[in-house]
């Protein structure tokens, strides 16, 4: 467990440093991670210079009403989907006025959700250049899957800051 936290901490430090360097702001939209991504970023000194805020959008109704994820997309694809992750990221970026939006949606377990197996995770990234969704399949306990999703979100954020 300790190593895992160190790696999240390390990724967060890199992301905060890079965002400050580039003067980019970041907003989060989190479903399965429920605020973990923004909390890890906020644990990092300097975060106040780059973190705009975050939305925990656990329910589809919140994904729709707060983040503007189209109801037709949620009805068609379910909440665990790459396009949904991308739309969540775009919604966070718009709602919170940030340069980059990062989103998480997925199945932490113990049961499958929307026909997707436990461990299925999508990370959404939205920038001025457009939006993207990335698919992952993690394994482990509920807490481990959430931790891995958080790490993947920070990695994708770093990638977006590098481009």
N, C-alpha and C. Protein backbone atom coordinates (compact mmCIF):
# COMPACT_ATOMS: atom_id res chain seq x y z
N UNK A 1 0.82 -1.20 0.00
CA UNK A 1 0.00 0.00 0.00
C UNK A 1 0.87 1.26 0.00
N UNK A 2 1.95 1.25 0.79
CA UNK A 2 2.79 2.45 0.90
C UNK A 2 3.39 2.84 -0.45
N UNK A 3 3.94 1.87 -1.17
CA UNK A 3 4.54 2.16 -2.47
C UNK A 3 3.55 2.82 -3.40
N UNK A 4 2.33 2.29 -3.36
CA UNK A 4 1.29 2.80 -4.21
C UNK A 4 1.04 4.28 -3.92
N UNK A 5 0.98 4.64 -2.62
CA UNK A 5 0.74 6.03 -2.25
C UNK A 5 1.90 6.91 -2.64
N UNK A 6 3.10 6.39 -2.53
CA UNK A 6 4.27 7.16 -2.95
C UNK A 6 4.19 7.47 -4.44
N UNK A 7 3.76 6.48 -5.23
CA UNK A 7 3.71 6.73 -6.67
C UNK A 7 2.63 7.77 -7.01
N UNK A 8 1.49 7.73 -6.33
CA UNK A 8 0.46 8.75 -6.55
C UNK A 8 1.00 10.12 -6.18
N UNK A 9 1.69 10.17 -5.05
CA UNK A 9 2.26 11.42 -4.55
C UNK A 9 3.28 11.96 -5.55
N UNK A 10 4.11 11.06 -6.08
CA UNK A 10 5.13 11.43 -7.05
C UNK A 10 4.50 11.95 -8.35
N UNK A 11 3.48 11.24 -8.84
CA UNK A 11 2.78 11.68 -10.06
C UNK A 11 2.14 13.04 -9.86
N UNK A 12 1.55 13.22 -8.69
CA UNK A 12 0.89 14.48 -8.37
C UNK A 12 1.89 15.63 -8.33
N UNK A 13 3.04 15.40 -7.71
CA UNK A 13 4.08 16.43 -7.65
C UNK A 13 4.52 16.84 -9.05
N UNK A 14 4.70 15.84 -9.92
CA UNK A 14 5.11 16.13 -11.30
C UNK A 14 4.04 16.94 -12.03
N UNK A 15 2.77 16.54 -11.85
CA UNK A 15 1.66 17.22 -12.53
C UNK A 15 1.51 18.66 -12.05
N UNK A 16 1.59 18.85 -10.74
CA UNK A 16 1.46 20.21 -10.19
C UNK A 16 2.60 21.08 -10.68
N UNK A 17 3.82 20.56 -10.62
CA UNK A 17 4.99 21.32 -11.06
C UNK A 17 4.87 21.72 -12.53
N UNK A 18 4.49 20.75 -13.36
CA UNK A 18 4.36 20.99 -14.80
C UNK A 18 3.25 22.01 -15.10
N UNK A 19 2.12 21.88 -14.43
CA UNK A 19 1.00 22.81 -14.65
C UNK A 19 1.39 24.23 -14.25
N UNK A 20 2.10 24.37 -13.14
CA UNK A 20 2.54 25.69 -12.69
C UNK A 20 3.53 26.29 -13.69
N UNK A 21 4.45 25.46 -14.15
CA UNK A 21 5.44 25.89 -15.15
C UNK A 21 4.77 26.44 -16.39
N UNK A 22 3.75 25.73 -16.85
CA UNK A 22 3.05 26.09 -18.09
C UNK A 22 1.89 27.05 -17.85
N UNK A 23 1.64 27.37 -16.59
CA UNK A 23 0.50 28.21 -16.20
C UNK A 23 -0.82 27.65 -16.74
N UNK A 24 -1.00 26.34 -16.52
CA UNK A 24 -2.24 25.67 -16.90
C UNK A 24 -3.06 25.35 -15.66
N UNK A 25 -4.36 25.51 -15.78
CA UNK A 25 -5.23 25.14 -14.67
C UNK A 25 -5.93 23.83 -14.98
N UNK A 26 -6.32 23.13 -13.91
CA UNK A 26 -6.88 21.79 -14.03
C UNK A 26 -8.17 21.70 -13.21
N UNK A 27 -9.15 20.99 -13.76
CA UNK A 27 -10.38 20.68 -13.04
C UNK A 27 -10.65 19.19 -13.18
N UNK A 28 -11.29 18.61 -12.17
CA UNK A 28 -11.56 17.18 -12.19
C UNK A 28 -13.06 16.90 -12.18
N UNK A 29 -13.41 15.77 -12.77
CA UNK A 29 -14.77 15.24 -12.70
C UNK A 29 -14.62 13.77 -12.37
N UNK A 30 -15.05 13.36 -11.18
CA UNK A 30 -14.75 12.01 -10.73
C UNK A 30 -16.00 11.23 -10.39
N UNK A 31 -16.07 10.01 -10.90
CA UNK A 31 -17.13 9.10 -10.51
C UNK A 31 -16.54 8.08 -9.55
N UNK A 32 -15.94 7.00 -10.04
CA UNK A 32 -15.51 5.95 -9.11
C UNK A 32 -14.47 6.41 -8.11
N UNK A 33 -13.65 7.41 -8.45
CA UNK A 33 -12.60 7.86 -7.52
C UNK A 33 -13.14 8.87 -6.50
N UNK A 34 -14.32 9.40 -6.73
CA UNK A 34 -15.05 10.21 -5.74
C UNK A 34 -14.23 11.29 -5.04
N UNK A 35 -13.41 12.00 -5.79
CA UNK A 35 -12.65 13.11 -5.22
C UNK A 35 -11.20 12.80 -4.90
N UNK A 36 -10.81 11.54 -5.13
CA UNK A 36 -9.43 11.13 -4.81
C UNK A 36 -8.40 11.88 -5.66
N UNK A 37 -8.71 12.08 -6.94
CA UNK A 37 -7.76 12.75 -7.83
C UNK A 37 -7.52 14.19 -7.36
N UNK A 38 -8.61 14.91 -7.09
CA UNK A 38 -8.43 16.30 -6.63
C UNK A 38 -7.79 16.34 -5.24
N UNK A 39 -8.10 15.35 -4.39
CA UNK A 39 -7.50 15.32 -3.05
C UNK A 39 -6.00 15.07 -3.12
N UNK A 40 -5.58 14.16 -3.99
CA UNK A 40 -4.14 13.88 -4.14
C UNK A 40 -3.42 15.11 -4.70
N UNK A 41 -4.04 15.78 -5.68
CA UNK A 41 -3.44 17.01 -6.21
C UNK A 41 -3.35 18.07 -5.11
N UNK A 42 -4.42 18.23 -4.34
CA UNK A 42 -4.46 19.25 -3.29
C UNK A 42 -3.49 18.97 -2.15
N UNK A 43 -3.09 17.70 -1.99
CA UNK A 43 -2.08 17.34 -0.99
C UNK A 43 -0.70 17.87 -1.37
N UNK A 44 -0.55 18.25 -2.62
CA UNK A 44 0.76 18.64 -3.15
C UNK A 44 0.96 20.14 -3.02
N UNK A 45 2.06 20.57 -2.41
CA UNK A 45 2.32 22.01 -2.30
C UNK A 45 2.33 22.67 -3.69
N UNK A 46 1.70 23.82 -3.79
CA UNK A 46 1.62 24.53 -5.07
C UNK A 46 0.31 24.29 -5.80
N UNK A 47 -0.49 23.34 -5.30
CA UNK A 47 -1.74 22.98 -5.99
C UNK A 47 -2.68 24.17 -6.15
N UNK A 48 -2.64 25.10 -5.21
CA UNK A 48 -3.57 26.24 -5.29
C UNK A 48 -3.30 27.10 -6.52
N UNK A 49 -2.10 26.97 -7.10
CA UNK A 49 -1.79 27.71 -8.32
C UNK A 49 -2.31 27.07 -9.59
N UNK A 50 -2.84 25.83 -9.50
CA UNK A 50 -3.27 25.15 -10.73
C UNK A 50 -4.60 24.41 -10.63
N UNK A 51 -5.01 24.02 -9.43
CA UNK A 51 -6.25 23.25 -9.29
C UNK A 51 -7.44 24.19 -9.12
N UNK A 52 -8.34 24.16 -10.12
CA UNK A 52 -9.52 25.02 -10.06
C UNK A 52 -10.56 24.46 -9.10
N UNK A 53 -10.77 23.14 -9.17
CA UNK A 53 -11.79 22.50 -8.35
C UNK A 53 -12.14 21.18 -8.96
N UNK A 54 -13.17 20.56 -8.40
CA UNK A 54 -13.57 19.26 -8.91
C UNK A 54 -15.03 18.99 -8.62
N UNK A 55 -15.58 18.12 -9.43
CA UNK A 55 -16.96 17.67 -9.26
C UNK A 55 -16.94 16.17 -9.02
N UNK A 56 -17.56 15.73 -7.94
CA UNK A 56 -17.77 14.30 -7.74
C UNK A 56 -19.14 13.99 -8.33
N UNK A 57 -19.13 13.29 -9.45
CA UNK A 57 -20.37 12.99 -10.18
C UNK A 57 -20.59 11.49 -10.13
N UNK A 58 -21.06 11.02 -8.98
CA UNK A 58 -21.22 9.59 -8.78
C UNK A 58 -22.44 9.07 -9.53
N UNK A 59 -23.52 9.82 -9.48
CA UNK A 59 -24.76 9.40 -10.15
C UNK A 59 -24.84 9.98 -11.56
N UNK A 60 -25.51 9.23 -12.44
CA UNK A 60 -25.70 9.71 -13.81
C UNK A 60 -26.42 11.05 -13.86
N UNK A 61 -27.37 11.26 -12.95
CA UNK A 61 -28.11 12.51 -12.93
C UNK A 61 -27.17 13.71 -12.74
N UNK A 62 -26.10 13.51 -11.96
CA UNK A 62 -25.12 14.57 -11.73
C UNK A 62 -24.21 14.73 -12.95
N UNK A 63 -23.84 13.61 -13.55
CA UNK A 63 -23.04 13.67 -14.78
C UNK A 63 -23.78 14.50 -15.83
N UNK A 64 -25.09 14.30 -15.87
CA UNK A 64 -25.92 15.00 -16.85
C UNK A 64 -26.15 16.46 -16.46
N UNK A 65 -26.65 16.70 -15.25
CA UNK A 65 -27.06 18.06 -14.88
C UNK A 65 -25.90 19.00 -14.60
N UNK A 66 -24.85 18.51 -13.97
CA UNK A 66 -23.74 19.39 -13.60
C UNK A 66 -22.67 19.44 -14.69
N UNK A 67 -22.38 18.29 -15.30
CA UNK A 67 -21.28 18.22 -16.27
C UNK A 67 -21.75 18.26 -17.72
N UNK A 68 -23.06 18.20 -17.93
CA UNK A 68 -23.58 18.30 -19.29
C UNK A 68 -23.33 17.08 -20.15
N UNK A 69 -23.16 15.91 -19.54
CA UNK A 69 -23.03 14.68 -20.32
C UNK A 69 -24.42 14.40 -20.93
N UNK A 70 -24.49 14.21 -22.26
CA UNK A 70 -25.80 14.01 -22.89
C UNK A 70 -26.54 12.79 -22.34
N UNK A 71 -27.82 12.98 -22.03
CA UNK A 71 -28.61 11.88 -21.47
C UNK A 71 -28.71 10.71 -22.45
N UNK A 72 -28.73 11.01 -23.75
CA UNK A 72 -28.80 9.96 -24.76
C UNK A 72 -27.55 9.08 -24.72
N UNK A 73 -26.40 9.71 -24.49
CA UNK A 73 -25.14 8.97 -24.40
C UNK A 73 -25.15 8.06 -23.17
N UNK A 74 -25.61 8.58 -22.05
CA UNK A 74 -25.70 7.78 -20.83
C UNK A 74 -26.68 6.62 -21.00
N UNK A 75 -27.80 6.89 -21.67
CA UNK A 75 -28.81 5.86 -21.90
C UNK A 75 -28.27 4.76 -22.82
N UNK A 76 -27.54 5.18 -23.85
CA UNK A 76 -26.98 4.25 -24.84
C UNK A 76 -25.80 3.45 -24.30
N UNK A 77 -24.84 4.17 -23.73
CA UNK A 77 -23.55 3.57 -23.41
C UNK A 77 -23.45 3.15 -21.95
N UNK A 78 -24.29 3.71 -21.09
CA UNK A 78 -24.10 3.52 -19.66
C UNK A 78 -23.04 4.48 -19.17
N UNK A 79 -22.82 4.49 -17.87
CA UNK A 79 -21.89 5.49 -17.32
C UNK A 79 -20.43 5.11 -17.50
N UNK A 80 -20.17 3.81 -17.72
CA UNK A 80 -18.79 3.34 -17.81
C UNK A 80 -18.43 3.22 -19.29
N UNK A 81 -17.90 4.32 -19.83
CA UNK A 81 -17.70 4.43 -21.27
C UNK A 81 -16.67 5.52 -21.56
N UNK A 82 -15.90 5.33 -22.61
CA UNK A 82 -14.87 6.30 -22.97
C UNK A 82 -15.43 7.65 -23.38
N UNK A 83 -16.53 7.64 -24.13
CA UNK A 83 -17.15 8.90 -24.55
C UNK A 83 -17.73 9.65 -23.36
N UNK A 84 -18.26 8.90 -22.40
CA UNK A 84 -18.80 9.51 -21.18
C UNK A 84 -17.65 10.16 -20.40
N UNK A 85 -16.53 9.45 -20.28
CA UNK A 85 -15.36 10.01 -19.58
C UNK A 85 -14.90 11.30 -20.25
N UNK A 86 -14.84 11.29 -21.58
CA UNK A 86 -14.42 12.48 -22.33
C UNK A 86 -15.41 13.63 -22.11
N UNK A 87 -16.71 13.32 -22.15
CA UNK A 87 -17.74 14.35 -21.94
C UNK A 87 -17.68 14.90 -20.52
N UNK A 88 -17.41 14.04 -19.54
CA UNK A 88 -17.26 14.49 -18.15
C UNK A 88 -16.08 15.46 -18.03
N UNK A 89 -14.97 15.12 -18.67
CA UNK A 89 -13.79 15.98 -18.62
C UNK A 89 -14.07 17.33 -19.26
N UNK A 90 -14.76 17.31 -20.39
CA UNK A 90 -15.12 18.55 -21.08
C UNK A 90 -16.07 19.37 -20.21
N UNK A 91 -17.00 18.69 -19.54
CA UNK A 91 -17.95 19.37 -18.66
C UNK A 91 -17.27 20.04 -17.48
N UNK A 92 -16.29 19.36 -16.91
CA UNK A 92 -15.54 19.93 -15.78
C UNK A 92 -14.74 21.14 -16.24
N UNK A 93 -14.14 21.01 -17.40
CA UNK A 93 -13.33 22.10 -17.96
C UNK A 93 -14.20 23.34 -18.16
N UNK A 94 -15.40 23.13 -18.71
CA UNK A 94 -16.31 24.25 -18.96
C UNK A 94 -16.88 24.82 -17.66
N UNK A 95 -17.36 23.94 -16.78
CA UNK A 95 -18.02 24.39 -15.55
C UNK A 95 -17.06 25.11 -14.61
N UNK A 96 -15.80 24.67 -14.59
CA UNK A 96 -14.85 25.20 -13.63
C UNK A 96 -13.81 26.12 -14.27
N UNK A 97 -13.96 26.36 -15.56
CA UNK A 97 -13.11 27.33 -16.25
C UNK A 97 -11.64 27.01 -16.21
N UNK A 98 -11.30 25.75 -16.52
CA UNK A 98 -9.90 25.34 -16.48
C UNK A 98 -9.37 25.07 -17.89
N UNK A 99 -8.04 25.03 -17.99
CA UNK A 99 -7.40 24.68 -19.26
C UNK A 99 -7.56 23.20 -19.58
N UNK A 100 -7.49 22.38 -18.54
CA UNK A 100 -7.55 20.93 -18.72
C UNK A 100 -8.60 20.34 -17.78
N UNK A 101 -9.40 19.44 -18.32
CA UNK A 101 -10.34 18.68 -17.50
C UNK A 101 -9.90 17.24 -17.48
N UNK A 102 -9.95 16.62 -16.32
CA UNK A 102 -9.61 15.19 -16.21
C UNK A 102 -10.75 14.49 -15.49
N UNK A 103 -11.17 13.35 -16.03
CA UNK A 103 -12.34 12.65 -15.49
C UNK A 103 -12.05 11.17 -15.29
N UNK A 104 -12.77 10.60 -14.31
CA UNK A 104 -12.69 9.16 -14.07
C UNK A 104 -14.09 8.57 -14.00
N UNK A 105 -14.27 7.44 -14.66
CA UNK A 105 -15.50 6.67 -14.49
C UNK A 105 -15.13 5.20 -14.63
N UNK A 106 -15.80 4.34 -13.91
CA UNK A 106 -15.44 2.93 -13.99
C UNK A 106 -16.15 2.09 -12.94
N UNK A 107 -15.74 0.85 -12.87
CA UNK A 107 -16.36 -0.13 -11.97
C UNK A 107 -15.33 -0.59 -10.94
N UNK A 108 -15.51 -0.15 -9.69
CA UNK A 108 -14.56 -0.53 -8.64
C UNK A 108 -14.97 -1.84 -7.96
N UNK A 109 -16.18 -2.28 -8.20
CA UNK A 109 -16.62 -3.55 -7.60
C UNK A 109 -17.46 -3.30 -6.36
N UNK A 110 -17.94 -4.34 -5.74
CA UNK A 110 -17.69 -5.75 -6.04
C UNK A 110 -18.48 -6.32 -7.22
N UNK A 111 -19.54 -5.64 -7.67
CA UNK A 111 -20.32 -6.18 -8.79
C UNK A 111 -20.02 -5.44 -10.09
N UNK A 112 -20.25 -6.14 -11.21
CA UNK A 112 -20.19 -5.50 -12.53
C UNK A 112 -21.23 -4.39 -12.56
N UNK A 113 -21.05 -3.42 -13.46
CA UNK A 113 -21.96 -2.29 -13.56
C UNK A 113 -22.18 -1.95 -15.03
N UNK A 114 -23.42 -1.71 -15.41
CA UNK A 114 -23.75 -1.38 -16.81
C UNK A 114 -23.14 -2.40 -17.77
N UNK A 115 -23.10 -3.66 -17.35
CA UNK A 115 -22.56 -4.71 -18.21
C UNK A 115 -21.05 -4.71 -18.34
N UNK A 116 -20.37 -3.87 -17.58
CA UNK A 116 -18.91 -3.82 -17.64
C UNK A 116 -18.33 -4.53 -16.43
N UNK A 117 -17.28 -5.34 -16.66
CA UNK A 117 -16.69 -6.09 -15.55
C UNK A 117 -15.97 -5.19 -14.56
N UNK A 118 -15.85 -5.69 -13.34
CA UNK A 118 -15.11 -5.00 -12.29
C UNK A 118 -13.69 -4.71 -12.79
N UNK A 119 -13.22 -3.50 -12.56
CA UNK A 119 -11.87 -3.11 -12.97
C UNK A 119 -11.83 -2.32 -14.26
N UNK A 120 -12.98 -2.25 -14.96
CA UNK A 120 -13.04 -1.44 -16.18
C UNK A 120 -13.06 0.03 -15.79
N UNK A 121 -12.12 0.80 -16.31
CA UNK A 121 -12.01 2.22 -15.97
C UNK A 121 -11.75 3.02 -17.24
N UNK A 122 -12.38 4.19 -17.31
CA UNK A 122 -12.10 5.13 -18.39
C UNK A 122 -11.64 6.44 -17.80
N UNK A 123 -10.57 6.98 -18.38
CA UNK A 123 -10.07 8.29 -18.00
C UNK A 123 -10.36 9.24 -19.16
N UNK A 124 -10.98 10.37 -18.84
CA UNK A 124 -11.26 11.38 -19.85
C UNK A 124 -10.33 12.57 -19.67
N UNK A 125 -9.87 13.10 -20.80
CA UNK A 125 -9.04 14.31 -20.78
C UNK A 125 -9.64 15.29 -21.78
N UNK A 126 -9.80 16.53 -21.34
CA UNK A 126 -10.28 17.58 -22.23
C UNK A 126 -9.33 18.77 -22.17
N UNK A 127 -8.91 19.21 -23.35
CA UNK A 127 -8.07 20.41 -23.47
C UNK A 127 -8.66 21.27 -24.58
N UNK A 128 -8.04 22.41 -24.83
CA UNK A 128 -8.48 23.28 -25.93
C UNK A 128 -8.41 22.52 -27.26
N UNK A 129 -7.51 21.54 -27.34
CA UNK A 129 -7.32 20.78 -28.58
C UNK A 129 -8.39 19.72 -28.81
N UNK A 130 -9.17 19.40 -27.77
CA UNK A 130 -10.21 18.38 -27.93
C UNK A 130 -10.28 17.46 -26.72
N UNK A 131 -11.12 16.42 -26.86
CA UNK A 131 -11.31 15.50 -25.75
C UNK A 131 -10.98 14.08 -26.16
N UNK A 132 -10.61 13.28 -25.17
CA UNK A 132 -10.25 11.89 -25.40
C UNK A 132 -10.66 11.03 -24.22
N UNK A 133 -10.99 9.77 -24.51
CA UNK A 133 -11.25 8.80 -23.45
C UNK A 133 -10.28 7.65 -23.60
N UNK A 134 -9.77 7.16 -22.48
CA UNK A 134 -8.78 6.08 -22.47
C UNK A 134 -9.29 4.94 -21.61
N UNK A 135 -9.18 3.73 -22.13
CA UNK A 135 -9.71 2.54 -21.43
C UNK A 135 -8.62 1.80 -20.68
N UNK A 136 -8.96 1.35 -19.48
CA UNK A 136 -8.06 0.55 -18.65
C UNK A 136 -8.82 -0.65 -18.10
N UNK A 137 -8.08 -1.70 -17.78
CA UNK A 137 -8.66 -2.82 -17.04
C UNK A 137 -7.74 -3.12 -15.87
N UNK A 138 -8.21 -2.82 -14.67
CA UNK A 138 -7.43 -3.02 -13.46
C UNK A 138 -7.96 -4.22 -12.69
N UNK A 139 -7.14 -4.74 -11.78
CA UNK A 139 -7.63 -5.81 -10.92
C UNK A 139 -7.23 -5.51 -9.49
N UNK A 140 -7.88 -6.20 -8.58
CA UNK A 140 -7.59 -6.00 -7.17
C UNK A 140 -8.87 -5.69 -6.41
N UNK A 141 -8.70 -5.23 -5.19
CA UNK A 141 -9.84 -4.87 -4.34
C UNK A 141 -10.44 -3.56 -4.85
N UNK A 142 -11.60 -3.22 -4.30
CA UNK A 142 -12.25 -1.95 -4.62
C UNK A 142 -11.28 -0.77 -4.42
N UNK A 143 -10.59 -0.77 -3.27
CA UNK A 143 -9.66 0.32 -2.95
C UNK A 143 -8.49 0.34 -3.93
N UNK A 144 -8.00 -0.84 -4.29
CA UNK A 144 -6.86 -0.91 -5.23
C UNK A 144 -7.26 -0.41 -6.61
N UNK A 145 -8.45 -0.78 -7.06
CA UNK A 145 -8.92 -0.33 -8.38
C UNK A 145 -9.08 1.19 -8.39
N UNK A 146 -9.64 1.74 -7.32
CA UNK A 146 -9.79 3.19 -7.22
C UNK A 146 -8.43 3.88 -7.22
N UNK A 147 -7.47 3.30 -6.51
CA UNK A 147 -6.12 3.86 -6.47
C UNK A 147 -5.44 3.83 -7.82
N UNK A 148 -5.61 2.71 -8.53
CA UNK A 148 -5.03 2.59 -9.87
C UNK A 148 -5.69 3.57 -10.85
N UNK A 149 -6.99 3.78 -10.70
CA UNK A 149 -7.70 4.75 -11.55
C UNK A 149 -7.18 6.16 -11.30
N UNK A 150 -6.91 6.46 -10.05
CA UNK A 150 -6.36 7.76 -9.68
C UNK A 150 -4.98 7.95 -10.32
N UNK A 151 -4.15 6.92 -10.23
CA UNK A 151 -2.83 6.97 -10.85
C UNK A 151 -2.90 7.17 -12.35
N UNK A 152 -3.82 6.45 -12.99
CA UNK A 152 -3.99 6.58 -14.45
C UNK A 152 -4.43 7.99 -14.82
N UNK A 153 -5.31 8.57 -14.01
CA UNK A 153 -5.78 9.94 -14.27
C UNK A 153 -4.62 10.93 -14.18
N UNK A 154 -3.76 10.75 -13.18
CA UNK A 154 -2.61 11.64 -13.03
C UNK A 154 -1.62 11.45 -14.19
N UNK A 155 -1.45 10.21 -14.62
CA UNK A 155 -0.56 9.95 -15.77
C UNK A 155 -1.09 10.62 -17.04
N UNK A 156 -2.40 10.51 -17.26
CA UNK A 156 -3.00 11.14 -18.45
C UNK A 156 -2.96 12.65 -18.35
N UNK A 157 -3.08 13.18 -17.15
CA UNK A 157 -2.94 14.63 -16.94
C UNK A 157 -1.53 15.07 -17.30
N UNK A 158 -0.55 14.33 -16.84
CA UNK A 158 0.85 14.64 -17.15
C UNK A 158 1.08 14.63 -18.66
N UNK A 159 0.50 13.64 -19.30
CA UNK A 159 0.62 13.51 -20.75
C UNK A 159 0.02 14.74 -21.46
N UNK A 160 -1.15 15.16 -20.98
CA UNK A 160 -1.83 16.33 -21.56
C UNK A 160 -1.00 17.59 -21.34
N UNK A 161 -0.32 17.67 -20.22
CA UNK A 161 0.53 18.83 -19.93
C UNK A 161 1.79 18.81 -20.79
N UNK A 162 2.19 17.63 -21.23
CA UNK A 162 3.41 17.50 -22.03
C UNK A 162 3.17 17.82 -23.50
N UNK A 163 1.89 17.77 -23.92
CA UNK A 163 1.63 17.95 -25.36
C UNK A 163 1.40 19.41 -25.72
